[in-house]
Amino acid sequence: MRITSEQIRAARMLLRWEQRHLSEASGVPLQTIKGLEIKAGPISAQTRTLDALRDAFEAAGVQFIAENGGGAGVRMREPAPKEPPMPRKPRAPRKTALTEPAEKPLVIGRANSKRR
């Protein structure tokens, strides 16, 4: 089965991989991946390059679907892996009248006024 550039891009999107992730997982140089994805349609590359890309995707859970009347495609064997949530920066607790004492006592009127 031949792989198309559209299948490579779709497989990367299913995995939420950037091109550099695919390069690291497959051992295929980043520039080669960029060049393969730019051209539309079936990829013409060395067999070992195509095998390395397919192996990396399949190891991550992607299945390639042959063009059997419905068109070539990709899908996940299992649900796509979730990315770890971004760590949140801890917030300082809010200061409120109910949780923090006032710095100065609240004075209503004049403190030292004399009535005549």
PDB file of N, CA and C in Angstrom:
ATOM      1  N   MET A   1       0.848  -1.187   0.000  1.00  0.00           N
ATOM      2  CA  MET A   1       0.000   0.000   0.000  1.00  0.00           C
ATOM      3  C   MET A   1       0.887   1.241   0.000  1.00  0.00           C
ATOM      4  N   ARG A   2       0.532   2.180  -0.817  1.00  0.00           N
ATOM      5  CA  ARG A   2       1.282   3.433  -0.896  1.00  0.00           C
ATOM      6  C   ARG A   2       0.770   4.407   0.154  1.00  0.00           C
ATOM      7  N   ILE A   3       1.655   5.255   0.636  1.00  0.00           N
ATOM      8  CA  ILE A   3       1.292   6.279   1.618  1.00  0.00           C
ATOM      9  C   ILE A   3       1.254   7.617   0.898  1.00  0.00           C
ATOM     10  N   THR A   4       0.260   8.438   1.230  1.00  0.00           N
ATOM     11  CA  THR A   4       0.177   9.776   0.646  1.00  0.00           C
ATOM     12  C   THR A   4       0.635  10.818   1.661  1.00  0.00           C
ATOM     13  N   SER A   5       0.972  11.982   1.136  1.00  0.00           N
ATOM     14  CA  SER A   5       1.374  13.076   2.035  1.00  0.00           C
ATOM     15  C   SER A   5       0.208  13.472   2.934  1.00  0.00           C
ATOM     16  N   GLU A   6      -0.999  13.362   2.411  1.00  0.00           N
ATOM     17  CA  GLU A   6      -2.182  13.689   3.216  1.00  0.00           C
ATOM     18  C   GLU A   6      -2.330  12.725   4.393  1.00  0.00           C
ATOM     19  N   GLN A   7      -2.009  11.451   4.176  1.00  0.00           N
ATOM     20  CA  GLN A   7      -2.069  10.477   5.270  1.00  0.00           C
ATOM     21  C   GLN A   7      -1.026  10.790   6.342  1.00  0.00           C
ATOM     22  N   ILE A   8       0.147  11.214   5.926  1.00  0.00           N
ATOM     23  CA  ILE A   8       1.186  11.554   6.909  1.00  0.00           C
ATOM     24  C   ILE A   8       0.733  12.734   7.760  1.00  0.00           C
ATOM     25  N   ARG A   9       0.216  13.772   7.115  1.00  0.00           N
ATOM     26  CA  ARG A   9      -0.253  14.941   7.879  1.00  0.00           C
ATOM     27  C   ARG A   9      -1.411  14.561   8.799  1.00  0.00           C
ATOM     28  N   ALA A  10      -2.352  13.757   8.286  1.00  0.00           N
ATOM     29  CA  ALA A  10      -3.504  13.349   9.100  1.00  0.00           C
ATOM     30  C   ALA A  10      -3.061  12.495  10.290  1.00  0.00           C
ATOM     31  N   ALA A  11      -2.112  11.602  10.068  1.00  0.00           N
ATOM     32  CA  ALA A  11      -1.613  10.758  11.163  1.00  0.00           C
ATOM     33  C   ALA A  11      -0.932  11.611  12.228  1.00  0.00           C
ATOM     34  N   ARG A  12      -0.167  12.601  11.794  1.00  0.00           N
ATOM     35  CA  ARG A  12       0.478  13.495  12.772  1.00  0.00           C
ATOM     36  C   ARG A  12      -0.567  14.240  13.585  1.00  0.00           C
ATOM     37  N   MET A  13      -1.627  14.683  12.937  1.00  0.00           N
ATOM     38  CA  MET A  13      -2.678  15.426  13.646  1.00  0.00           C
ATOM     39  C   MET A  13      -3.396  14.525  14.649  1.00  0.00           C
ATOM     40  N   LEU A  14      -3.639  13.264  14.280  1.00  0.00           N
ATOM     41  CA  LEU A  14      -4.272  12.333  15.226  1.00  0.00           C
ATOM     42  C   LEU A  14      -3.441  12.176  16.491  1.00  0.00           C
ATOM     43  N   LEU A  15      -2.129  12.169  16.314  1.00  0.00           N
ATOM     44  CA  LEU A  15      -1.226  11.986  17.451  1.00  0.00           C
ATOM     45  C   LEU A  15      -0.830  13.303  18.114  1.00  0.00           C
ATOM     46  N   ARG A  16      -1.230  14.408  17.506  1.00  0.00           N
ATOM     47  CA  ARG A  16      -0.832  15.746  17.977  1.00  0.00           C
ATOM     48  C   ARG A  16       0.690  15.895  17.952  1.00  0.00           C
ATOM     49  N   TRP A  17       1.305  15.357  16.899  1.00  0.00           N
ATOM     50  CA  TRP A  17       2.752  15.423  16.728  1.00  0.00           C
ATOM     51  C   TRP A  17       3.113  16.552  15.791  1.00  0.00           C
ATOM     52  N   GLU A  18       4.168  17.233  16.094  1.00  0.00           N
ATOM     53  CA  GLU A  18       4.774  18.166  15.152  1.00  0.00           C
ATOM     54  C   GLU A  18       5.709  17.354  14.268  1.00  0.00           C
ATOM     55  N   GLN A  19       6.186  17.979  13.199  1.00  0.00           N
ATOM     56  CA  GLN A  19       7.089  17.268  12.294  1.00  0.00           C
ATOM     57  C   GLN A  19       8.340  16.787  13.024  1.00  0.00           C
ATOM     58  N   ARG A  20       8.825  17.567  13.969  1.00  0.00           N
ATOM     59  CA  ARG A  20      10.040  17.163  14.683  1.00  0.00           C
ATOM     60  C   ARG A  20       9.797  15.914  15.537  1.00  0.00           C
ATOM     61  N   HIS A  21       8.570  15.761  16.074  1.00  0.00           N
ATOM     62  CA  HIS A  21       8.242  14.544  16.830  1.00  0.00           C
ATOM     63  C   HIS A  21       8.298  13.314  15.921  1.00  0.00           C
ATOM     64  N   LEU A  22       7.746  13.457  14.716  1.00  0.00           N
ATOM     65  CA  LEU A  22       7.780  12.351  13.763  1.00  0.00           C
ATOM     66  C   LEU A  22       9.218  12.025  13.378  1.00  0.00           C
ATOM     67  N   SER A  23      10.030  13.047  13.206  1.00  0.00           N
ATOM     68  CA  SER A  23      11.439  12.843  12.869  1.00  0.00           C
ATOM     69  C   SER A  23      12.149  12.047  13.960  1.00  0.00           C
ATOM     70  N   GLU A  24      11.906  12.423  15.215  1.00  0.00           N
ATOM     71  CA  GLU A  24      12.538  11.727  16.341  1.00  0.00           C
ATOM     72  C   GLU A  24      12.047  10.283  16.454  1.00  0.00           C
ATOM     73  N   ALA A  25      10.749  10.072  16.239  1.00  0.00           N
ATOM     74  CA  ALA A  25      10.176   8.734  16.391  1.00  0.00           C
ATOM     75  C   ALA A  25      10.578   7.795  15.257  1.00  0.00           C
ATOM     76  N   SER A  26      10.783   8.346  14.061  1.00  0.00           N
ATOM     77  CA  SER A  26      11.053   7.504  12.894  1.00  0.00           C
ATOM     78  C   SER A  26      12.522   7.441  12.505  1.00  0.00           C
ATOM     79  N   GLY A  27      13.295   8.433  12.928  1.00  0.00           N
ATOM     80  CA  GLY A  27      14.688   8.503  12.497  1.00  0.00           C
ATOM     81  C   GLY A  27      14.847   9.111  11.114  1.00  0.00           C
ATOM     82  N   VAL A  28      13.752   9.603  10.541  1.00  0.00           N
ATOM     83  CA  VAL A  28      13.797  10.256   9.230  1.00  0.00           C
ATOM     84  C   VAL A  28      14.121  11.731   9.461  1.00  0.00           C
ATOM     85  N   PRO A  29      15.083  12.287   8.717  1.00  0.00           N
ATOM     86  CA  PRO A  29      15.448  13.693   8.930  1.00  0.00           C
ATOM     87  C   PRO A  29      14.252  14.637   8.766  1.00  0.00           C
ATOM     88  N   LEU A  30      14.242  15.691   9.566  1.00  0.00           N
ATOM     89  CA  LEU A  30      13.152  16.669   9.555  1.00  0.00           C
ATOM     90  C   LEU A  30      12.948  17.263   8.164  1.00  0.00           C
ATOM     91  N   GLN A  31      14.031  17.609   7.483  1.00  0.00           N
ATOM     92  CA  GLN A  31      13.908  18.200   6.145  1.00  0.00           C
ATOM     93  C   GLN A  31      13.254  17.226   5.162  1.00  0.00           C
ATOM     94  N   THR A  32      13.514  15.951   5.308  1.00  0.00           N
ATOM     95  CA  THR A  32      12.887  14.946   4.439  1.00  0.00           C
ATOM     96  C   THR A  32      11.384  14.910   4.688  1.00  0.00           C
ATOM     97  N   ILE A  33      10.989  14.942   5.950  1.00  0.00           N
ATOM     98  CA  ILE A  33       9.559  14.926   6.287  1.00  0.00           C
ATOM     99  C   ILE A  33       8.873  16.165   5.728  1.00  0.00           C
ATOM    100  N   LYS A  34       9.496  17.323   5.892  1.00  0.00           N
ATOM    101  CA  LYS A  34       8.912  18.560   5.345  1.00  0.00           C
ATOM    102  C   LYS A  34       8.727  18.442   3.838  1.00  0.00           C
ATOM    103  N   GLY A  35       9.731  17.914   3.154  1.00  0.00           N
ATOM    104  CA  GLY A  35       9.651  17.762   1.703  1.00  0.00           C
ATOM    105  C   GLY A  35       8.572  16.785   1.271  1.00  0.00           C
ATOM    106  N   LEU A  36       8.405  15.697   2.014  1.00  0.00           N
ATOM    107  CA  LEU A  36       7.389  14.705   1.671  1.00  0.00           C
ATOM    108  C   LEU A  36       5.980  15.241   1.889  1.00  0.00           C
ATOM    109  N   GLU A  37       5.797  16.045   2.918  1.00  0.00           N
ATOM    110  CA  GLU A  37       4.455  16.547   3.234  1.00  0.00           C
ATOM    111  C   GLU A  37       4.007  17.659   2.298  1.00  0.00           C
ATOM    112  N   ILE A  38       4.935  18.344   1.673  1.00  0.00           N
ATOM    113  CA  ILE A  38       4.584  19.479   0.810  1.00  0.00           C
ATOM    114  C   ILE A  38       3.891  19.030  -0.473  1.00  0.00           C
ATOM    115  N   LYS A  39       4.305  17.903  -1.016  1.00  0.00           N
ATOM    116  CA  LYS A  39       3.757  17.420  -2.284  1.00  0.00           C
ATOM    117  C   LYS A  39       2.458  16.663  -2.030  1.00  0.00           C
ATOM    118  N   ALA A  40       1.464  16.907  -2.881  1.00  0.00           N
ATOM    119  CA  ALA A  40       0.181  16.212  -2.746  1.00  0.00           C
ATOM    120  C   ALA A  40       0.263  14.831  -3.382  1.00  0.00           C
ATOM    121  N   GLY A  41      -0.511  13.907  -2.847  1.00  0.00           N
ATOM    122  CA  GLY A  41      -0.619  12.587  -3.443  1.00  0.00           C
ATOM    123  C   GLY A  41       0.364  11.576  -2.889  1.00  0.00           C
ATOM    124  N   PRO A  42       0.500  10.442  -3.604  1.00  0.00           N
ATOM    125  CA  PRO A  42       1.390   9.371  -3.146  1.00  0.00           C
ATOM    126  C   PRO A  42       2.834   9.855  -3.035  1.00  0.00           C
ATOM    127  N   ILE A  43       3.512   9.356  -2.029  1.00  0.00           N
ATOM    128  CA  ILE A  43       4.890   9.765  -1.768  1.00  0.00           C
ATOM    129  C   ILE A  43       5.835   8.873  -2.558  1.00  0.00           C
ATOM    130  N   SER A  44       6.795   9.517  -3.204  1.00  0.00           N
ATOM    131  CA  SER A  44       7.865   8.734  -3.826  1.00  0.00           C
ATOM    132  C   SER A  44       9.117   8.971  -3.005  1.00  0.00           C
ATOM    133  N   ALA A  45       9.484   7.953  -2.258  1.00  0.00           N
ATOM    134  CA  ALA A  45      10.669   8.014  -1.405  1.00  0.00           C
ATOM    135  C   ALA A  45      11.257   6.615  -1.329  1.00  0.00           C
ATOM    136  N   GLN A  46      12.411   6.519  -0.718  1.00  0.00           N
ATOM    137  CA  GLN A  46      13.040   5.210  -0.558  1.00  0.00           C
ATOM    138  C   GLN A  46      12.161   4.329   0.334  1.00  0.00           C
ATOM    139  N   THR A  47      12.197   3.054   0.064  1.00  0.00           N
ATOM    140  CA  THR A  47      11.386   2.097   0.825  1.00  0.00           C
ATOM    141  C   THR A  47      11.691   2.173   2.313  1.00  0.00           C
ATOM    142  N   ARG A  48      12.955   2.311   2.669  1.00  0.00           N
ATOM    143  CA  ARG A  48      13.299   2.347   4.101  1.00  0.00           C
ATOM    144  C   ARG A  48      12.747   3.603   4.779  1.00  0.00           C
ATOM    145  N   THR A  49      12.642   4.713   4.030  1.00  0.00           N
ATOM    146  CA  THR A  49      12.050   5.935   4.590  1.00  0.00           C
ATOM    147  C   THR A  49      10.570   5.721   4.860  1.00  0.00           C
ATOM    148  N   LEU A  50       9.860   5.167   3.882  1.00  0.00           N
ATOM    149  CA  LEU A  50       8.426   4.909   4.051  1.00  0.00           C
ATOM    150  C   LEU A  50       8.175   3.901   5.165  1.00  0.00           C
ATOM    151  N   ASP A  51       9.008   2.867   5.231  1.00  0.00           N
ATOM    152  CA  ASP A  51       8.864   1.865   6.296  1.00  0.00           C
ATOM    153  C   ASP A  51       9.088   2.484   7.671  1.00  0.00           C
ATOM    154  N   ALA A  52      10.079   3.363   7.778  1.00  0.00           N
ATOM    155  CA  ALA A  52      10.371   4.009   9.065  1.00  0.00           C
ATOM    156  C   ALA A  52       9.202   4.887   9.503  1.00  0.00           C
ATOM    157  N   LEU A  53       8.607   5.635   8.565  1.00  0.00           N
ATOM    158  CA  LEU A  53       7.457   6.484   8.894  1.00  0.00           C
ATOM    159  C   LEU A  53       6.273   5.621   9.320  1.00  0.00           C
ATOM    160  N   ARG A  54       5.976   4.597   8.524  1.00  0.00           N
ATOM    161  CA  ARG A  54       4.846   3.720   8.837  1.00  0.00           C
ATOM    162  C   ARG A  54       5.051   3.036  10.192  1.00  0.00           C
ATOM    163  N   ASP A  55       6.257   2.535  10.446  1.00  0.00           N
ATOM    164  CA  ASP A  55       6.544   1.859  11.718  1.00  0.00           C
ATOM    165  C   ASP A  55       6.353   2.796  12.909  1.00  0.00           C
ATOM    166  N   ALA A  56       6.810   4.043  12.770  1.00  0.00           N
ATOM    167  CA  ALA A  56       6.667   5.014  13.865  1.00  0.00           C
ATOM    168  C   ALA A  56       5.195   5.290  14.146  1.00  0.00           C
ATOM    169  N   PHE A  57       4.414   5.488  13.084  1.00  0.00           N
ATOM    170  CA  PHE A  57       2.990   5.750  13.269  1.00  0.00           C
ATOM    171  C   PHE A  57       2.272   4.529  13.851  1.00  0.00           C
ATOM    172  N   GLU A  58       2.561   3.363  13.331  1.00  0.00           N
ATOM    173  CA  GLU A  58       1.884   2.161  13.819  1.00  0.00           C
ATOM    174  C   GLU A  58       2.254   1.855  15.266  1.00  0.00           C
ATOM    175  N   ALA A  59       3.490   2.132  15.648  1.00  0.00           N
ATOM    176  CA  ALA A  59       3.897   1.937  17.047  1.00  0.00           C
ATOM    177  C   ALA A  59       3.144   2.885  17.972  1.00  0.00           C
ATOM    178  N   ALA A  60       2.731   4.035  17.434  1.00  0.00           N
ATOM    179  CA  ALA A  60       1.985   5.015  18.225  1.00  0.00           C
ATOM    180  C   ALA A  60       0.479   4.770  18.172  1.00  0.00           C
ATOM    181  N   GLY A  61       0.036   3.758  17.406  1.00  0.00           N
ATOM    182  CA  GLY A  61      -1.385   3.412  17.396  1.00  0.00           C
ATOM    183  C   GLY A  61      -2.158   3.823  16.162  1.00  0.00           C
ATOM    184  N   VAL A  62      -1.477   4.309  15.118  1.00  0.00           N
ATOM    185  CA  VAL A  62      -2.161   4.737  13.894  1.00  0.00           C
ATOM    186  C   VAL A  62      -2.265   3.559  12.933  1.00  0.00           C
ATOM    187  N   GLN A  63      -3.426   3.429  12.295  1.00  0.00           N
ATOM    188  CA  GLN A  63      -3.624   2.433  11.237  1.00  0.00           C
ATOM    189  C   GLN A  63      -3.783   3.163   9.916  1.00  0.00           C
ATOM    190  N   PHE A  64      -3.127   2.662   8.890  1.00  0.00           N
ATOM    191  CA  PHE A  64      -3.289   3.209   7.548  1.00  0.00           C
ATOM    192  C   PHE A  64      -4.405   2.438   6.858  1.00  0.00           C
ATOM    193  N   ILE A  65      -5.308   3.162   6.210  1.00  0.00           N
ATOM    194  CA  ILE A  65      -6.453   2.559   5.535  1.00  0.00           C
ATOM    195  C   ILE A  65      -6.204   2.648   4.037  1.00  0.00           C
ATOM    196  N   ALA A  66      -6.308   1.505   3.357  1.00  0.00           N
ATOM    197  CA  ALA A  66      -6.080   1.462   1.913  1.00  0.00           C
ATOM    198  C   ALA A  66      -7.226   2.141   1.174  1.00  0.00           C
ATOM    199  N   GLU A  67      -6.922   2.575  -0.034  1.00  0.00           N
ATOM    200  CA  GLU A  67      -7.952   3.178  -0.878  1.00  0.00           C
ATOM    201  C   GLU A  67      -8.768   2.047  -1.491  1.00  0.00           C
ATOM    202  N   ASN A  68      -9.907   1.780  -0.879  1.00  0.00           N
ATOM    203  CA  ASN A  68     -10.747   0.664  -1.345  1.00  0.00           C
ATOM    204  C   ASN A  68     -12.141   1.168  -1.684  1.00  0.00           C
ATOM    205  N   GLY A  69     -12.192   2.199  -2.476  1.00  0.00           N
ATOM    206  CA  GLY A  69     -13.475   2.764  -2.858  1.00  0.00           C
ATOM    207  C   GLY A  69     -13.865   3.967  -2.019  1.00  0.00           C
ATOM    208  N   GLY A  70     -13.414   3.999  -0.777  1.00  0.00           N
ATOM    209  CA  GLY A  70     -13.744   5.116   0.097  1.00  0.00           C
ATOM    210  C   GLY A  70     -12.624   6.130   0.211  1.00  0.00           C
ATOM    211  N   GLY A  71     -11.500   5.833  -0.358  1.00  0.00           N
ATOM    212  CA  GLY A  71     -10.354   6.736  -0.277  1.00  0.00           C
ATOM    213  C   GLY A  71      -9.396   6.312   0.820  1.00  0.00           C
ATOM    214  N   ALA A  72      -8.130   6.610   0.600  1.00  0.00           N
ATOM    215  CA  ALA A  72      -7.092   6.279   1.580  1.00  0.00           C
ATOM    216  C   ALA A  72      -7.266   7.153   2.813  1.00  0.00           C
ATOM    217  N   GLY A  73      -6.831   6.640   3.955  1.00  0.00           N
ATOM    218  CA  GLY A  73      -6.957   7.419   5.180  1.00  0.00           C
ATOM    219  C   GLY A  73      -6.144   6.829   6.311  1.00  0.00           C
ATOM    220  N   VAL A  74      -6.374   7.353   7.501  1.00  0.00           N
ATOM    221  CA  VAL A  74      -5.733   6.865   8.723  1.00  0.00           C
ATOM    222  C   VAL A  74      -6.763   6.889   9.841  1.00  0.00           C
ATOM    223  N   ARG A  75      -6.534   6.082  10.845  1.00  0.00           N
ATOM    224  CA  ARG A  75      -7.384   6.085  12.035  1.00  0.00           C
ATOM    225  C   ARG A  75      -6.570   5.536  13.195  1.00  0.00           C
ATOM    226  N   MET A  76      -7.077   5.725  14.388  1.00  0.00           N
ATOM    227  CA  MET A  76      -6.417   5.223  15.589  1.00  0.00           C
ATOM    228  C   MET A  76      -6.948   3.833  15.915  1.00  0.00           C
ATOM    229  N   ARG A  77      -6.034   2.940  16.296  1.00  0.00           N
ATOM    230  CA  ARG A  77      -6.451   1.626  16.804  1.00  0.00           C
ATOM    231  C   ARG A  77      -7.104   1.795  18.161  1.00  0.00           C
ATOM    232  N   GLU A  78      -6.579   2.724  18.941  1.00  0.00           N
ATOM    233  CA  GLU A  78      -7.057   3.014  20.290  1.00  0.00           C
ATOM    234  C   GLU A  78      -7.270   4.517  20.374  1.00  0.00           C
ATOM    235  N   PRO A  79      -7.902   5.000  21.436  1.00  0.00           N
ATOM    236  CA  PRO A  79      -8.050   6.449  21.576  1.00  0.00           C
ATOM    237  C   PRO A  79      -6.689   7.143  21.530  1.00  0.00           C
ATOM    238  N   ALA A  80      -6.681   8.331  20.953  1.00  0.00           N
ATOM    239  CA  ALA A  80      -5.442   9.106  20.855  1.00  0.00           C
ATOM    240  C   ALA A  80      -4.887   9.370  22.250  1.00  0.00           C
ATOM    241  N   PRO A  81      -3.569   9.304  22.408  1.00  0.00           N
ATOM    242  CA  PRO A  81      -2.988   9.560  23.731  1.00  0.00           C
ATOM    243  C   PRO A  81      -3.234  11.000  24.153  1.00  0.00           C
ATOM    244  N   LYS A  82      -3.542  11.166  25.424  1.00  0.00           N
ATOM    245  CA  LYS A  82      -3.762  12.517  25.940  1.00  0.00           C
ATOM    246  C   LYS A  82      -2.433  13.139  26.298  1.00  0.00           C
ATOM    247  N   GLU A  83      -2.325  14.400  25.977  1.00  0.00           N
ATOM    248  CA  GLU A  83      -1.120  15.117  26.373  1.00  0.00           C
ATOM    249  C   GLU A  83      -1.253  15.471  27.847  1.00  0.00           C
ATOM    250  N   PRO A  84      -0.152  15.483  28.566  1.00  0.00           N
ATOM    251  CA  PRO A  84      -0.260  15.885  29.965  1.00  0.00           C
ATOM    252  C   PRO A  84      -0.726  17.335  30.044  1.00  0.00           C
ATOM    253  N   PRO A  85      -1.581  17.657  31.010  1.00  0.00           N
ATOM    254  CA  PRO A  85      -2.049  19.034  31.121  1.00  0.00           C
ATOM    255  C   PRO A  85      -0.894  19.975  31.429  1.00  0.00           C
ATOM    256  N   MET A  86      -1.032  21.178  30.951  1.00  0.00           N
ATOM    257  CA  MET A  86      -0.005  22.186  31.208  1.00  0.00           C
ATOM    258  C   MET A  86       0.015  22.484  32.701  1.00  0.00           C
ATOM    259  N   PRO A  87       1.206  22.521  33.303  1.00  0.00           N
ATOM    260  CA  PRO A  87       1.250  22.842  34.730  1.00  0.00           C
ATOM    261  C   PRO A  87       0.794  24.277  34.949  1.00  0.00           C
ATOM    262  N   ARG A  88       0.013  24.456  35.959  1.00  0.00           N
ATOM    263  CA  ARG A  88      -0.474  25.801  36.272  1.00  0.00           C
ATOM    264  C   ARG A  88       0.405  26.436  37.318  1.00  0.00           C
ATOM    265  N   LYS A  89       0.571  27.719  37.160  1.00  0.00           N
ATOM    266  CA  LYS A  89       1.345  28.484  38.126  1.00  0.00           C
ATOM    267  C   LYS A  89       0.478  28.673  39.368  1.00  0.00           C
ATOM    268  N   PRO A  90       1.005  28.345  40.554  1.00  0.00           N
ATOM    269  CA  PRO A  90       0.185  28.507  41.754  1.00  0.00           C
ATOM    270  C   PRO A  90      -0.165  29.976  41.973  1.00  0.00           C
ATOM    271  N   ARG A  91      -1.384  30.194  42.362  1.00  0.00           N
ATOM    272  CA  ARG A  91      -1.835  31.563  42.632  1.00  0.00           C
ATOM    273  C   ARG A  91      -1.678  31.872  44.108  1.00  0.00           C
ATOM    274  N   ALA A  92      -1.412  33.139  44.375  1.00  0.00           N
ATOM    275  CA  ALA A  92      -1.377  33.593  45.764  1.00  0.00           C
ATOM    276  C   ALA A  92      -2.822  33.664  46.249  1.00  0.00           C
ATOM    277  N   PRO A  93      -3.071  33.310  47.493  1.00  0.00           N
ATOM    278  CA  PRO A  93      -4.447  33.387  47.989  1.00  0.00           C
ATOM    279  C   PRO A  93      -4.930  34.834  47.998  1.00  0.00           C
ATOM    280  N   ARG A  94      -6.203  34.997  47.722  1.00  0.00           N
ATOM    281  CA  ARG A  94      -6.788  36.339  47.728  1.00  0.00           C
ATOM    282  C   ARG A  94      -6.937  36.836  49.150  1.00  0.00           C
ATOM    283  N   LYS A  95      -6.726  38.120  49.308  1.00  0.00           N
ATOM    284  CA  LYS A  95      -6.967  38.731  50.614  1.00  0.00           C
ATOM    285  C   LYS A  95      -8.367  39.313  50.596  1.00  0.00           C
ATOM    286  N   THR A  96      -9.155  38.897  51.547  1.00  0.00           N
ATOM    287  CA  THR A  96     -10.509  39.428  51.656  1.00  0.00           C
ATOM    288  C   THR A  96     -10.748  39.857  53.088  1.00  0.00           C
ATOM    289  N   ALA A  97     -11.785  40.621  53.275  1.00  0.00           N
ATOM    290  CA  ALA A  97     -12.115  41.111  54.615  1.00  0.00           C
ATOM    291  C   ALA A  97     -12.439  39.951  55.555  1.00  0.00           C
ATOM    292  N   LEU A  98     -12.899  38.856  55.013  1.00  0.00           N
ATOM    293  CA  LEU A  98     -13.267  37.730  55.859  1.00  0.00           C
ATOM    294  C   LEU A  98     -12.071  36.859  56.240  1.00  0.00           C
ATOM    295  N   THR A  99     -11.017  36.872  55.427  1.00  0.00           N
ATOM    296  CA  THR A  99      -9.885  35.996  55.709  1.00  0.00           C
ATOM    297  C   THR A  99      -8.676  36.714  56.274  1.00  0.00           C
ATOM    298  N   GLU A 100      -8.559  38.001  56.046  1.00  0.00           N
ATOM    299  CA  GLU A 100      -7.389  38.752  56.504  1.00  0.00           C
ATOM    300  C   GLU A 100      -7.845  39.929  57.372  1.00  0.00           C
ATOM    301  N   PRO A 101      -7.189  40.156  58.492  1.00  0.00           N
ATOM    302  CA  PRO A 101      -7.546  41.331  59.290  1.00  0.00           C
ATOM    303  C   PRO A 101      -7.116  42.606  58.562  1.00  0.00           C
ATOM    304  N   ALA A 102      -7.858  43.662  58.803  1.00  0.00           N
ATOM    305  CA  ALA A 102      -7.507  44.948  58.194  1.00  0.00           C
ATOM    306  C   ALA A 102      -6.193  45.439  58.784  1.00  0.00           C
ATOM    307  N   GLU A 103      -5.409  46.136  57.969  1.00  0.00           N
ATOM    308  CA  GLU A 103      -4.123  46.644  58.451  1.00  0.00           C
ATOM    309  C   GLU A 103      -4.320  47.753  59.481  1.00  0.00           C
ATOM    310  N   LYS A 104      -5.309  48.601  59.257  1.00  0.00           N
ATOM    311  CA  LYS A 104      -5.617  49.680  60.196  1.00  0.00           C
ATOM    312  C   LYS A 104      -7.073  49.538  60.591  1.00  0.00           C
ATOM    313  N   PRO A 105      -7.394  49.859  61.821  1.00  0.00           N
ATOM    314  CA  PRO A 105      -8.798  49.776  62.220  1.00  0.00           C
ATOM    315  C   PRO A 105      -9.632  50.786  61.435  1.00  0.00           C
ATOM    316  N   LEU A 106     -10.828  50.413  61.146  1.00  0.00           N
ATOM    317  CA  LEU A 106     -11.738  51.273  60.431  1.00  0.00           C
ATOM    318  C   LEU A 106     -12.310  52.303  61.397  1.00  0.00           C
ATOM    319  N   VAL A 107     -12.141  53.586  61.082  1.00  0.00           N
ATOM    320  CA  VAL A 107     -12.617  54.667  61.946  1.00  0.00           C
ATOM    321  C   VAL A 107     -13.685  55.431  61.198  1.00  0.00           C
ATOM    322  N   ILE A 108     -14.817  55.598  61.858  1.00  0.00           N
ATOM    323  CA  ILE A 108     -15.897  56.368  61.262  1.00  0.00           C
ATOM    324  C   ILE A 108     -15.976  57.678  62.007  1.00  0.00           C
ATOM    325  N   GLY A 109     -15.957  58.755  61.292  1.00  0.00           N
ATOM    326  CA  GLY A 109     -15.956  60.071  61.921  1.00  0.00           C
ATOM    327  C   GLY A 109     -14.539  60.490  62.253  1.00  0.00           C
ATOM    328  N   ARG A 110     -14.430  61.547  63.058  1.00  0.00           N
ATOM    329  CA  ARG A 110     -13.104  62.031  63.435  1.00  0.00           C
ATOM    330  C   ARG A 110     -12.727  61.461  64.782  1.00  0.00           C
ATOM    331  N   ALA A 111     -11.534  60.973  64.886  1.00  0.00           N
ATOM    332  CA  ALA A 111     -11.096  60.332  66.117  1.00  0.00           C
ATOM    333  C   ALA A 111     -10.916  61.331  67.247  1.00  0.00           C
ATOM    334  N   ASN A 112     -10.392  62.484  67.005  1.00  0.00           N
ATOM    335  CA  ASN A 112     -10.088  63.449  68.059  1.00  0.00           C
ATOM    336  C   ASN A 112     -10.973  64.685  68.001  1.00  0.00           C
ATOM    337  N   SER A 113     -12.135  64.581  67.461  1.00  0.00           N
ATOM    338  CA  SER A 113     -12.985  65.771  67.377  1.00  0.00           C
ATOM    339  C   SER A 113     -13.684  66.001  68.716  1.00  0.00           C
ATOM    340  N   LYS A 114     -13.821  67.272  69.080  1.00  0.00           N
ATOM    341  CA  LYS A 114     -14.506  67.628  70.326  1.00  0.00           C
ATOM    342  C   LYS A 114     -15.848  68.230  69.967  1.00  0.00           C
ATOM    343  N   ARG A 115     -16.858  67.821  70.663  1.00  0.00           N
ATOM    344  CA  ARG A 115     -18.177  68.399  70.433  1.00  0.00           C
ATOM    345  C   ARG A 115     -18.322  69.635  71.281  1.00  0.00           C
ATOM    346  N   ARG A 116     -18.893  70.643  70.746  1.00  0.00           N
ATOM    347  CA  ARG A 116     -19.078  71.877  71.501  1.00  0.00           C
ATOM    348  C   ARG A 116     -20.474  72.096  71.880  1.00  0.00           C
TER     349      ARG A 116
END
